[in-house]
Amino acid sequence: MSDNIHIVGIIDRYLEHSRILIFCNGGKNKYFLGSADWMPRNLLSRIEVMTPVYDEDLKEDLRRTVEYGLRDTTNGRLVDGKGTDQLQQGELFRSQEELYKYYLEHNE
């Protein structure tokens, strides 16, 4: 795909389709949320939107969601574009469970 793009696919208990994009802009990251799964059938036949995120607390939540997903070794598969996606290696980490626990602990 690309030397600087890393894709992890996660299929777990909670069906979620986060459309979070974070562009590292020389240390001034830009955050966006979108409605679409970027597939031709969605982009060619529908109206889809993306919106920038400015709130610092929300940016932190989005960063955490992406980072946890990239760390997932329980259900996270490295998408290689060839259909041979392999489970990530490392200490067991289930992103959905860890996010759930994090928000329970920090939103009481």
PDB file of N, CA and C in Angstrom:
ATOM      1  N   MET A   1       0.824  -1.186   0.000  1.00  0.00           N
ATOM      2  CA  MET A   1       0.000   0.000   0.000  1.00  0.00           C
ATOM      3  C   MET A   1       0.870   1.252   0.000  1.00  0.00           C
ATOM      4  N   SER A   2       1.574   1.465   1.111  1.00  0.00           N
ATOM      5  CA  SER A   2       2.410   2.640   1.253  1.00  0.00           C
ATOM      6  C   SER A   2       3.359   2.424   2.414  1.00  0.00           C
ATOM      7  N   ASP A   3       4.524   3.032   2.346  1.00  0.00           N
ATOM      8  CA  ASP A   3       5.480   2.899   3.438  1.00  0.00           C
ATOM      9  C   ASP A   3       5.063   3.676   4.684  1.00  0.00           C
ATOM     10  N   ASN A   4       4.216   4.680   4.524  1.00  0.00           N
ATOM     11  CA  ASN A   4       3.866   5.500   5.674  1.00  0.00           C
ATOM     12  C   ASN A   4       2.387   5.403   6.065  1.00  0.00           C
ATOM     13  N   ILE A   5       1.701   4.367   5.580  1.00  0.00           N
ATOM     14  CA  ILE A   5       0.313   4.137   5.972  1.00  0.00           C
ATOM     15  C   ILE A   5       0.223   2.740   6.576  1.00  0.00           C
ATOM     16  N   HIS A   6      -0.342   2.675   7.775  1.00  0.00           N
ATOM     17  CA  HIS A   6      -0.455   1.442   8.548  1.00  0.00           C
ATOM     18  C   HIS A   6      -1.943   1.201   8.784  1.00  0.00           C
ATOM     19  N   ILE A   7      -2.473   0.062   8.338  1.00  0.00           N
ATOM     20  CA  ILE A   7      -3.902  -0.212   8.462  1.00  0.00           C
ATOM     21  C   ILE A   7      -4.105  -1.450   9.326  1.00  0.00           C
ATOM     22  N   VAL A   8      -4.953  -1.300  10.340  1.00  0.00           N
ATOM     23  CA  VAL A   8      -5.311  -2.422  11.197  1.00  0.00           C
ATOM     24  C   VAL A   8      -6.825  -2.580  11.128  1.00  0.00           C
ATOM     25  N   GLY A   9      -7.279  -3.780  10.762  1.00  0.00           N
ATOM     26  CA  GLY A   9      -8.705  -4.086  10.749  1.00  0.00           C
ATOM     27  C   GLY A   9      -9.071  -4.839  12.015  1.00  0.00           C
ATOM     28  N   ILE A  10     -10.168  -4.449  12.649  1.00  0.00           N
ATOM     29  CA  ILE A  10     -10.598  -5.091  13.892  1.00  0.00           C
ATOM     30  C   ILE A  10     -12.042  -5.539  13.744  1.00  0.00           C
ATOM     31  N   ILE A  11     -12.271  -6.825  13.975  1.00  0.00           N
ATOM     32  CA  ILE A  11     -13.633  -7.340  14.054  1.00  0.00           C
ATOM     33  C   ILE A  11     -13.790  -7.880  15.461  1.00  0.00           C
ATOM     34  N   ASP A  12     -14.682  -7.243  16.222  1.00  0.00           N
ATOM     35  CA  ASP A  12     -14.839  -7.594  17.632  1.00  0.00           C
ATOM     36  C   ASP A  12     -16.318  -7.518  17.988  1.00  0.00           C
ATOM     37  N   ARG A  13     -16.611  -7.607  19.263  1.00  0.00           N
ATOM     38  CA  ARG A  13     -17.983  -7.665  19.755  1.00  0.00           C
ATOM     39  C   ARG A  13     -18.816  -6.459  19.338  1.00  0.00           C
ATOM     40  N   TYR A  14     -18.271  -5.268  19.494  1.00  0.00           N
ATOM     41  CA  TYR A  14     -19.004  -4.052  19.184  1.00  0.00           C
ATOM     42  C   TYR A  14     -18.701  -3.644  17.751  1.00  0.00           C
ATOM     43  N   LEU A  15     -19.724  -3.654  16.939  1.00  0.00           N
ATOM     44  CA  LEU A  15     -19.546  -3.256  15.553  1.00  0.00           C
ATOM     45  C   LEU A  15     -19.405  -1.742  15.516  1.00  0.00           C
ATOM     46  N   GLU A  16     -18.221  -1.285  15.212  1.00  0.00           N
ATOM     47  CA  GLU A  16     -17.988   0.149  15.131  1.00  0.00           C
ATOM     48  C   GLU A  16     -17.227   0.428  13.847  1.00  0.00           C
ATOM     49  N   HIS A  17     -17.529   1.512  13.276  1.00  0.00           N
ATOM     50  CA  HIS A  17     -16.852   1.923  12.053  1.00  0.00           C
ATOM     51  C   HIS A  17     -16.357   3.348  12.252  1.00  0.00           C
ATOM     52  N   SER A  18     -15.346   3.478  13.060  1.00  0.00           N
ATOM     53  CA  SER A  18     -14.808   4.814  13.323  1.00  0.00           C
ATOM     54  C   SER A  18     -14.267   5.402  12.032  1.00  0.00           C
ATOM     55  N   ARG A  19     -14.699   6.595  11.738  1.00  0.00           N
ATOM     56  CA  ARG A  19     -14.186   7.325  10.584  1.00  0.00           C
ATOM     57  C   ARG A  19     -13.380   8.489  11.134  1.00  0.00           C
ATOM     58  N   ILE A  20     -12.233   8.139  11.689  1.00  0.00           N
ATOM     59  CA  ILE A  20     -11.353   9.134  12.301  1.00  0.00           C
ATOM     60  C   ILE A  20     -10.121   9.255  11.424  1.00  0.00           C
ATOM     61  N   LEU A  21      -9.816  10.455  11.023  1.00  0.00           N
ATOM     62  CA  LEU A  21      -8.604  10.704  10.263  1.00  0.00           C
ATOM     63  C   LEU A  21      -7.764  11.705  11.036  1.00  0.00           C
ATOM     64  N   ILE A  22      -6.499  11.372  11.222  1.00  0.00           N
ATOM     65  CA  ILE A  22      -5.565  12.275  11.880  1.00  0.00           C
ATOM     66  C   ILE A  22      -4.395  12.473  10.933  1.00  0.00           C
ATOM     67  N   PHE A  23      -4.212  13.695  10.511  1.00  0.00           N
ATOM     68  CA  PHE A  23      -3.107  14.029   9.621  1.00  0.00           C
ATOM     69  C   PHE A  23      -2.029  14.727  10.445  1.00  0.00           C
ATOM     70  N   CYS A  24      -0.849  14.158  10.461  1.00  0.00           N
ATOM     71  CA  CYS A  24       0.271  14.748  11.202  1.00  0.00           C
ATOM     72  C   CYS A  24       0.854  15.844  10.334  1.00  0.00           C
ATOM     73  N   ASN A  25       0.584  17.049  10.714  1.00  0.00           N
ATOM     74  CA  ASN A  25       0.887  18.224   9.906  1.00  0.00           C
ATOM     75  C   ASN A  25       2.040  18.995  10.535  1.00  0.00           C
ATOM     76  N   GLY A  26       3.250  18.421  10.458  1.00  0.00           N
ATOM     77  CA  GLY A  26       4.405  19.106  11.020  1.00  0.00           C
ATOM     78  C   GLY A  26       4.258  19.398  12.499  1.00  0.00           C
ATOM     79  N   GLY A  27       3.675  18.461  13.258  1.00  0.00           N
ATOM     80  CA  GLY A  27       3.491  18.669  14.684  1.00  0.00           C
ATOM     81  C   GLY A  27       2.183  19.352  15.050  1.00  0.00           C
ATOM     82  N   LYS A  28       1.451  19.800  14.059  1.00  0.00           N
ATOM     83  CA  LYS A  28       0.136  20.422  14.283  1.00  0.00           C
ATOM     84  C   LYS A  28      -0.926  19.506  13.670  1.00  0.00           C
ATOM     85  N   ASN A  29      -1.224  18.428  14.412  1.00  0.00           N
ATOM     86  CA  ASN A  29      -2.138  17.416  13.885  1.00  0.00           C
ATOM     87  C   ASN A  29      -3.506  18.006  13.556  1.00  0.00           C
ATOM     88  N   LYS A  30      -4.078  17.513  12.473  1.00  0.00           N
ATOM     89  CA  LYS A  30      -5.423  17.905  12.036  1.00  0.00           C
ATOM     90  C   LYS A  30      -6.321  16.681  12.192  1.00  0.00           C
ATOM     91  N   TYR A  31      -7.457  16.868  12.860  1.00  0.00           N
ATOM     92  CA  TYR A  31      -8.391  15.785  13.154  1.00  0.00           C
ATOM     93  C   TYR A  31      -9.682  15.977  12.364  1.00  0.00           C
ATOM     94  N   PHE A  32     -10.190  14.858  11.829  1.00  0.00           N
ATOM     95  CA  PHE A  32     -11.436  14.892  11.070  1.00  0.00           C
ATOM     96  C   PHE A  32     -12.288  13.674  11.421  1.00  0.00           C
ATOM     97  N   LEU A  33     -13.601  13.858  11.354  1.00  0.00           N
ATOM     98  CA  LEU A  33     -14.564  12.769  11.475  1.00  0.00           C
ATOM     99  C   LEU A  33     -15.343  12.715  10.173  1.00  0.00           C
ATOM    100  N   GLY A  34     -15.693  11.510   9.751  1.00  0.00           N
ATOM    101  CA  GLY A  34     -16.435  11.366   8.513  1.00  0.00           C
ATOM    102  C   GLY A  34     -17.554  10.361   8.635  1.00  0.00           C
ATOM    103  N   SER A  35     -18.440  10.391   7.662  1.00  0.00           N
ATOM    104  CA  SER A  35     -19.597   9.506   7.672  1.00  0.00           C
ATOM    105  C   SER A  35     -19.392   8.254   6.825  1.00  0.00           C
ATOM    106  N   ALA A  36     -18.450   8.258   5.936  1.00  0.00           N
ATOM    107  CA  ALA A  36     -18.386   7.194   4.928  1.00  0.00           C
ATOM    108  C   ALA A  36     -17.317   6.149   5.185  1.00  0.00           C
ATOM    109  N   ASP A  37     -17.640   4.942   4.768  1.00  0.00           N
ATOM    110  CA  ASP A  37     -16.644   3.912   4.578  1.00  0.00           C
ATOM    111  C   ASP A  37     -16.132   4.191   3.163  1.00  0.00           C
ATOM    112  N   TRP A  38     -14.875   4.493   3.005  1.00  0.00           N
ATOM    113  CA  TRP A  38     -14.363   4.984   1.728  1.00  0.00           C
ATOM    114  C   TRP A  38     -14.252   3.867   0.704  1.00  0.00           C
ATOM    115  N   MET A  39     -15.398   3.459   0.216  1.00  0.00           N
ATOM    116  CA  MET A  39     -15.473   2.445  -0.832  1.00  0.00           C
ATOM    117  C   MET A  39     -16.205   3.084  -2.007  1.00  0.00           C
ATOM    118  N   PRO A  40     -15.887   2.670  -3.230  1.00  0.00           N
ATOM    119  CA  PRO A  40     -16.537   3.294  -4.395  1.00  0.00           C
ATOM    120  C   PRO A  40     -18.061   3.317  -4.309  1.00  0.00           C
ATOM    121  N   ARG A  41     -18.665   2.230  -3.824  1.00  0.00           N
ATOM    122  CA  ARG A  41     -20.136   2.213  -3.770  1.00  0.00           C
ATOM    123  C   ARG A  41     -20.690   3.317  -2.867  1.00  0.00           C
ATOM    124  N   ASN A  42     -19.927   3.707  -1.849  1.00  0.00           N
ATOM    125  CA  ASN A  42     -20.376   4.770  -0.957  1.00  0.00           C
ATOM    126  C   ASN A  42     -20.051   6.146  -1.508  1.00  0.00           C
ATOM    127  N   LEU A  43     -18.892   6.280  -2.088  1.00  0.00           N
ATOM    128  CA  LEU A  43     -18.464   7.604  -2.559  1.00  0.00           C
ATOM    129  C   LEU A  43     -19.113   7.995  -3.876  1.00  0.00           C
ATOM    130  N   LEU A  44     -19.528   7.017  -4.667  1.00  0.00           N
ATOM    131  CA  LEU A  44     -20.114   7.321  -5.969  1.00  0.00           C
ATOM    132  C   LEU A  44     -21.629   7.470  -5.934  1.00  0.00           C
ATOM    133  N   SER A  45     -22.284   6.862  -4.950  1.00  0.00           N
ATOM    134  CA  SER A  45     -23.743   6.827  -4.950  1.00  0.00           C
ATOM    135  C   SER A  45     -24.393   7.580  -3.795  1.00  0.00           C
ATOM    136  N   ARG A  46     -23.612   8.178  -2.947  1.00  0.00           N
ATOM    137  CA  ARG A  46     -24.164   8.825  -1.755  1.00  0.00           C
ATOM    138  C   ARG A  46     -23.504  10.183  -1.539  1.00  0.00           C
ATOM    139  N   ILE A  47     -24.107  10.922  -0.653  1.00  0.00           N
ATOM    140  CA  ILE A  47     -23.474  12.160  -0.200  1.00  0.00           C
ATOM    141  C   ILE A  47     -22.843  11.850   1.144  1.00  0.00           C
ATOM    142  N   GLU A  48     -21.553  11.985   1.233  1.00  0.00           N
ATOM    143  CA  GLU A  48     -20.816  11.711   2.462  1.00  0.00           C
ATOM    144  C   GLU A  48     -20.131  12.996   2.903  1.00  0.00           C
ATOM    145  N   VAL A  49     -19.900  13.115   4.201  1.00  0.00           N
ATOM    146  CA  VAL A  49     -19.305  14.340   4.715  1.00  0.00           C
ATOM    147  C   VAL A  49     -18.113  14.032   5.610  1.00  0.00           C
ATOM    148  N   MET A  50     -17.229  14.991   5.713  1.00  0.00           N
ATOM    149  CA  MET A  50     -16.119  14.984   6.665  1.00  0.00           C
ATOM    150  C   MET A  50     -16.173  16.343   7.359  1.00  0.00           C
ATOM    151  N   THR A  51     -15.820  16.342   8.626  1.00  0.00           N
ATOM    152  CA  THR A  51     -15.808  17.610   9.352  1.00  0.00           C
ATOM    153  C   THR A  51     -14.553  17.694  10.212  1.00  0.00           C
ATOM    154  N   PRO A  52     -13.961  18.862  10.301  1.00  0.00           N
ATOM    155  CA  PRO A  52     -12.799  19.013  11.179  1.00  0.00           C
ATOM    156  C   PRO A  52     -13.232  19.005  12.645  1.00  0.00           C
ATOM    157  N   VAL A  53     -12.319  18.617  13.506  1.00  0.00           N
ATOM    158  CA  VAL A  53     -12.566  18.612  14.952  1.00  0.00           C
ATOM    159  C   VAL A  53     -11.626  19.639  15.572  1.00  0.00           C
ATOM    160  N   TYR A  54     -12.181  20.548  16.360  1.00  0.00           N
ATOM    161  CA  TYR A  54     -11.390  21.610  16.970  1.00  0.00           C
ATOM    162  C   TYR A  54     -11.252  21.470  18.487  1.00  0.00           C
ATOM    163  N   ASP A  55     -12.213  20.820  19.130  1.00  0.00           N
ATOM    164  CA  ASP A  55     -12.215  20.692  20.577  1.00  0.00           C
ATOM    165  C   ASP A  55     -11.046  19.806  21.037  1.00  0.00           C
ATOM    166  N   GLU A  56     -10.226  20.315  21.944  1.00  0.00           N
ATOM    167  CA  GLU A  56      -9.012  19.601  22.376  1.00  0.00           C
ATOM    168  C   GLU A  56      -9.329  18.307  23.133  1.00  0.00           C
ATOM    169  N   ASP A  57     -10.379  18.307  23.951  1.00  0.00           N
ATOM    170  CA  ASP A  57     -10.749  17.087  24.671  1.00  0.00           C
ATOM    171  C   ASP A  57     -11.207  15.999  23.699  1.00  0.00           C
ATOM    172  N   LEU A  58     -11.985  16.383  22.707  1.00  0.00           N
ATOM    173  CA  LEU A  58     -12.445  15.422  21.710  1.00  0.00           C
ATOM    174  C   LEU A  58     -11.271  14.896  20.886  1.00  0.00           C
ATOM    175  N   LYS A  59     -10.337  15.771  20.544  1.00  0.00           N
ATOM    176  CA  LYS A  59      -9.142  15.324  19.817  1.00  0.00           C
ATOM    177  C   LYS A  59      -8.392  14.255  20.607  1.00  0.00           C
ATOM    178  N   GLU A  60      -8.276  14.466  21.911  1.00  0.00           N
ATOM    179  CA  GLU A  60      -7.596  13.493  22.768  1.00  0.00           C
ATOM    180  C   GLU A  60      -8.341  12.158  22.765  1.00  0.00           C
ATOM    181  N   ASP A  61      -9.659  12.192  22.822  1.00  0.00           N
ATOM    182  CA  ASP A  61     -10.452  10.964  22.746  1.00  0.00           C
ATOM    183  C   ASP A  61     -10.251  10.252  21.405  1.00  0.00           C
ATOM    184  N   LEU A  62     -10.227  11.010  20.335  1.00  0.00           N
ATOM    185  CA  LEU A  62     -10.028  10.416  19.012  1.00  0.00           C
ATOM    186  C   LEU A  62      -8.632   9.818  18.883  1.00  0.00           C
ATOM    187  N   ARG A  63      -7.632  10.526  19.387  1.00  0.00           N
ATOM    188  CA  ARG A  63      -6.265  10.003  19.349  1.00  0.00           C
ATOM    189  C   ARG A  63      -6.177   8.692  20.108  1.00  0.00           C
ATOM    190  N   ARG A  64      -6.793   8.638  21.284  1.00  0.00           N
ATOM    191  CA  ARG A  64      -6.782   7.424  22.105  1.00  0.00           C
ATOM    192  C   ARG A  64      -7.459   6.273  21.355  1.00  0.00           C
ATOM    193  N   THR A  65      -8.594   6.540  20.743  1.00  0.00           N
ATOM    194  CA  THR A  65      -9.318   5.506  20.002  1.00  0.00           C
ATOM    195  C   THR A  65      -8.453   4.929  18.887  1.00  0.00           C
ATOM    196  N   VAL A  66      -7.788   5.784  18.140  1.00  0.00           N
ATOM    197  CA  VAL A  66      -6.923   5.321  17.050  1.00  0.00           C
ATOM    198  C   VAL A  66      -5.720   4.561  17.602  1.00  0.00           C
ATOM    199  N   GLU A  67      -5.074   5.106  18.615  1.00  0.00           N
ATOM    200  CA  GLU A  67      -3.897   4.439  19.191  1.00  0.00           C
ATOM    201  C   GLU A  67      -4.245   3.067  19.751  1.00  0.00           C
ATOM    202  N   TYR A  68      -5.367   2.956  20.450  1.00  0.00           N
ATOM    203  CA  TYR A  68      -5.767   1.660  20.988  1.00  0.00           C
ATOM    204  C   TYR A  68      -6.033   0.671  19.854  1.00  0.00           C
ATOM    205  N   GLY A  69      -6.689   1.120  18.818  1.00  0.00           N
ATOM    206  CA  GLY A  69      -6.956   0.247  17.679  1.00  0.00           C
ATOM    207  C   GLY A  69      -5.681  -0.249  17.017  1.00  0.00           C
ATOM    208  N   LEU A  70      -4.705   0.632  16.878  1.00  0.00           N
ATOM    209  CA  LEU A  70      -3.439   0.234  16.253  1.00  0.00           C
ATOM    210  C   LEU A  70      -2.656  -0.746  17.121  1.00  0.00           C
ATOM    211  N   ARG A  71      -2.920  -0.748  18.432  1.00  0.00           N
ATOM    212  CA  ARG A  71      -2.217  -1.646  19.364  1.00  0.00           C
ATOM    213  C   ARG A  71      -2.897  -3.001  19.521  1.00  0.00           C
ATOM    214  N   ASP A  72      -4.118  -3.163  19.001  1.00  0.00           N
ATOM    215  CA  ASP A  72      -4.919  -4.356  19.254  1.00  0.00           C
ATOM    216  C   ASP A  72      -4.215  -5.618  18.740  1.00  0.00           C
ATOM    217  N   THR A  73      -3.922  -6.533  19.675  1.00  0.00           N
ATOM    218  CA  THR A  73      -3.299  -7.809  19.300  1.00  0.00           C
ATOM    219  C   THR A  73      -4.267  -8.975  19.478  1.00  0.00           C
ATOM    220  N   THR A  74      -5.478  -8.706  19.963  1.00  0.00           N
ATOM    221  CA  THR A  74      -6.466  -9.760  20.142  1.00  0.00           C
ATOM    222  C   THR A  74      -7.274  -9.968  18.869  1.00  0.00           C
ATOM    223  N   ASN A  75      -7.718  -8.879  18.272  1.00  0.00           N
ATOM    224  CA  ASN A  75      -8.521  -8.955  17.049  1.00  0.00           C
ATOM    225  C   ASN A  75      -7.978  -8.069  15.926  1.00  0.00           C
ATOM    226  N   GLY A  76      -6.884  -7.382  16.165  1.00  0.00           N
ATOM    227  CA  GLY A  76      -6.319  -6.476  15.165  1.00  0.00           C
ATOM    228  C   GLY A  76      -5.496  -7.224  14.129  1.00  0.00           C
ATOM    229  N   ARG A  77      -5.900  -7.063  12.892  1.00  0.00           N
ATOM    230  CA  ARG A  77      -5.181  -7.698  11.793  1.00  0.00           C
ATOM    231  C   ARG A  77      -4.528  -6.633  10.926  1.00  0.00           C
ATOM    232  N   LEU A  78      -3.278  -6.876  10.568  1.00  0.00           N
ATOM    233  CA  LEU A  78      -2.571  -5.969   9.666  1.00  0.00           C
ATOM    234  C   LEU A  78      -3.114  -6.177   8.263  1.00  0.00           C
ATOM    235  N   VAL A  79      -3.730  -5.149   7.725  1.00  0.00           N
ATOM    236  CA  VAL A  79      -4.323  -5.226   6.391  1.00  0.00           C
ATOM    237  C   VAL A  79      -3.203  -5.041   5.369  1.00  0.00           C
ATOM    238  N   ASP A  80      -3.031  -6.039   4.522  1.00  0.00           N
ATOM    239  CA  ASP A  80      -1.934  -5.991   3.560  1.00  0.00           C
ATOM    240  C   ASP A  80      -2.400  -5.761   2.123  1.00  0.00           C
ATOM    241  N   GLY A  81      -3.705  -5.707   1.899  1.00  0.00           N
ATOM    242  CA  GLY A  81      -4.219  -5.473   0.556  1.00  0.00           C
ATOM    243  C   GLY A  81      -4.226  -6.711  -0.314  1.00  0.00           C
ATOM    244  N   LYS A  82      -3.737  -7.830   0.207  1.00  0.00           N
ATOM    245  CA  LYS A  82      -3.671  -9.079  -0.558  1.00  0.00           C
ATOM    246  C   LYS A  82      -4.619 -10.135  -0.004  1.00  0.00           C
ATOM    247  N   GLY A  83      -5.296  -9.812   1.093  1.00  0.00           N
ATOM    248  CA  GLY A  83      -6.228 -10.752   1.695  1.00  0.00           C
ATOM    249  C   GLY A  83      -5.596 -11.750   2.642  1.00  0.00           C
ATOM    250  N   THR A  84      -4.321 -11.556   2.953  1.00  0.00           N
ATOM    251  CA  THR A  84      -3.637 -12.477   3.871  1.00  0.00           C
ATOM    252  C   THR A  84      -3.390 -11.807   5.220  1.00  0.00           C
ATOM    253  N   ASP A  85      -4.314 -10.968   5.624  1.00  0.00           N
ATOM    254  CA  ASP A  85      -4.175 -10.189   6.851  1.00  0.00           C
ATOM    255  C   ASP A  85      -3.813 -11.079   8.044  1.00  0.00           C
ATOM    256  N   GLN A  86      -2.749 -10.716   8.740  1.00  0.00           N
ATOM    257  CA  GLN A  86      -2.248 -11.490   9.868  1.00  0.00           C
ATOM    258  C   GLN A  86      -2.526 -10.757  11.171  1.00  0.00           C
ATOM    259  N   LEU A  87      -2.823 -11.536  12.232  1.00  0.00           N
ATOM    260  CA  LEU A  87      -2.989 -10.938  13.552  1.00  0.00           C
ATOM    261  C   LEU A  87      -1.707 -10.234  13.961  1.00  0.00           C
ATOM    262  N   GLN A  88      -1.859  -9.105  14.631  1.00  0.00           N
ATOM    263  CA  GLN A  88      -0.692  -8.397  15.137  1.00  0.00           C
ATOM    264  C   GLN A  88      -0.060  -9.195  16.275  1.00  0.00           C
ATOM    265  N   GLN A  89       1.212  -9.043  16.432  1.00  0.00           N
ATOM    266  CA  GLN A  89       1.954  -9.736  17.474  1.00  0.00           C
ATOM    267  C   GLN A  89       2.170  -8.803  18.660  1.00  0.00           C
ATOM    268  N   GLY A  90       2.430  -9.390  19.814  1.00  0.00           N
ATOM    269  CA  GLY A  90       2.747  -8.599  20.992  1.00  0.00           C
ATOM    270  C   GLY A  90       1.905  -8.999  22.177  1.00  0.00           C
ATOM    271  N   GLU A  91       2.090  -8.259  23.267  1.00  0.00           N
ATOM    272  CA  GLU A  91       1.329  -8.497  24.486  1.00  0.00           C
ATOM    273  C   GLU A  91      -0.163  -8.344  24.192  1.00  0.00           C
ATOM    274  N   LEU A  92      -0.976  -9.238  24.759  1.00  0.00           N
ATOM    275  CA  LEU A  92      -2.408  -9.197  24.490  1.00  0.00           C
ATOM    276  C   LEU A  92      -3.006  -7.844  24.853  1.00  0.00           C
ATOM    277  N   PHE A  93      -3.720  -7.275  23.904  1.00  0.00           N
ATOM    278  CA  PHE A  93      -4.364  -5.973  24.095  1.00  0.00           C
ATOM    279  C   PHE A  93      -5.618  -5.966  23.227  1.00  0.00           C
ATOM    280  N   ARG A  94      -6.770  -5.842  23.862  1.00  0.00           N
ATOM    281  CA  ARG A  94      -8.056  -5.793  23.152  1.00  0.00           C
ATOM    282  C   ARG A  94      -8.579  -4.366  23.221  1.00  0.00           C
ATOM    283  N   SER A  95      -8.525  -3.668  22.113  1.00  0.00           N
ATOM    284  CA  SER A  95      -8.805  -2.233  22.098  1.00  0.00           C
ATOM    285  C   SER A  95     -10.202  -1.885  22.597  1.00  0.00           C
ATOM    286  N   GLN A  96     -11.224  -2.606  22.167  1.00  0.00           N
ATOM    287  CA  GLN A  96     -12.575  -2.255  22.590  1.00  0.00           C
ATOM    288  C   GLN A  96     -12.742  -2.408  24.102  1.00  0.00           C
ATOM    289  N   GLU A  97     -12.212  -3.469  24.651  1.00  0.00           N
ATOM    290  CA  GLU A  97     -12.296  -3.683  26.094  1.00  0.00           C
ATOM    291  C   GLU A  97     -11.539  -2.602  26.860  1.00  0.00           C
ATOM    292  N   GLU A  98     -10.347  -2.255  26.383  1.00  0.00           N
ATOM    293  CA  GLU A  98      -9.539  -1.245  27.061  1.00  0.00           C
ATOM    294  C   GLU A  98     -10.172   0.140  26.972  1.00  0.00           C
ATOM    295  N   LEU A  99     -10.766   0.485  25.838  1.00  0.00           N
ATOM    296  CA  LEU A  99     -11.464   1.771  25.716  1.00  0.00           C
ATOM    297  C   LEU A  99     -12.669   1.821  26.654  1.00  0.00           C
ATOM    298  N   TYR A 100     -13.404   0.733  26.709  1.00  0.00           N
ATOM    299  CA  TYR A 100     -14.569   0.663  27.592  1.00  0.00           C
ATOM    300  C   TYR A 100     -14.137   0.869  29.037  1.00  0.00           C
ATOM    301  N   LYS A 101     -13.090   0.167  29.465  1.00  0.00           N
ATOM    302  CA  LYS A 101     -12.592   0.312  30.830  1.00  0.00           C
ATOM    303  C   LYS A 101     -12.101   1.740  31.087  1.00  0.00           C
ATOM    304  N   TYR A 102     -11.387   2.306  30.126  1.00  0.00           N
ATOM    305  CA  TYR A 102     -10.871   3.669  30.284  1.00  0.00           C
ATOM    306  C   TYR A 102     -12.012   4.655  30.539  1.00  0.00           C
ATOM    307  N   TYR A 103     -13.056   4.590  29.715  1.00  0.00           N
ATOM    308  CA  TYR A 103     -14.138   5.556  29.849  1.00  0.00           C
ATOM    309  C   TYR A 103     -14.984   5.311  31.093  1.00  0.00           C
ATOM    310  N   LEU A 104     -15.095   4.081  31.540  1.00  0.00           N
ATOM    311  CA  LEU A 104     -15.767   3.824  32.814  1.00  0.00           C
ATOM    312  C   LEU A 104     -15.003   4.465  33.962  1.00  0.00           C
ATOM    313  N   GLU A 105     -13.688   4.338  33.938  1.00  0.00           N
ATOM    314  CA  GLU A 105     -12.849   4.880  35.014  1.00  0.00           C
ATOM    315  C   GLU A 105     -12.791   6.406  35.010  1.00  0.00           C
ATOM    316  N   HIS A 106     -12.870   7.014  33.829  1.00  0.00           N
ATOM    317  CA  HIS A 106     -12.665   8.465  33.731  1.00  0.00           C
ATOM    318  C   HIS A 106     -13.933   9.285  33.570  1.00  0.00           C
ATOM    319  N   ASN A 107     -15.072   8.637  33.564  1.00  0.00           N
ATOM    320  CA  ASN A 107     -16.329   9.390  33.384  1.00  0.00           C
ATOM    321  C   ASN A 107     -17.330   9.043  34.483  1.00  0.00           C
ATOM    322  N   GLU A 108     -16.860   8.893  35.682  1.00  0.00           N
ATOM    323  CA  GLU A 108     -17.765   8.590  36.796  1.00  0.00           C
ATOM    324  C   GLU A 108     -18.230   9.856  37.459  1.00  0.00           C
TER     325      GLU A 108
END
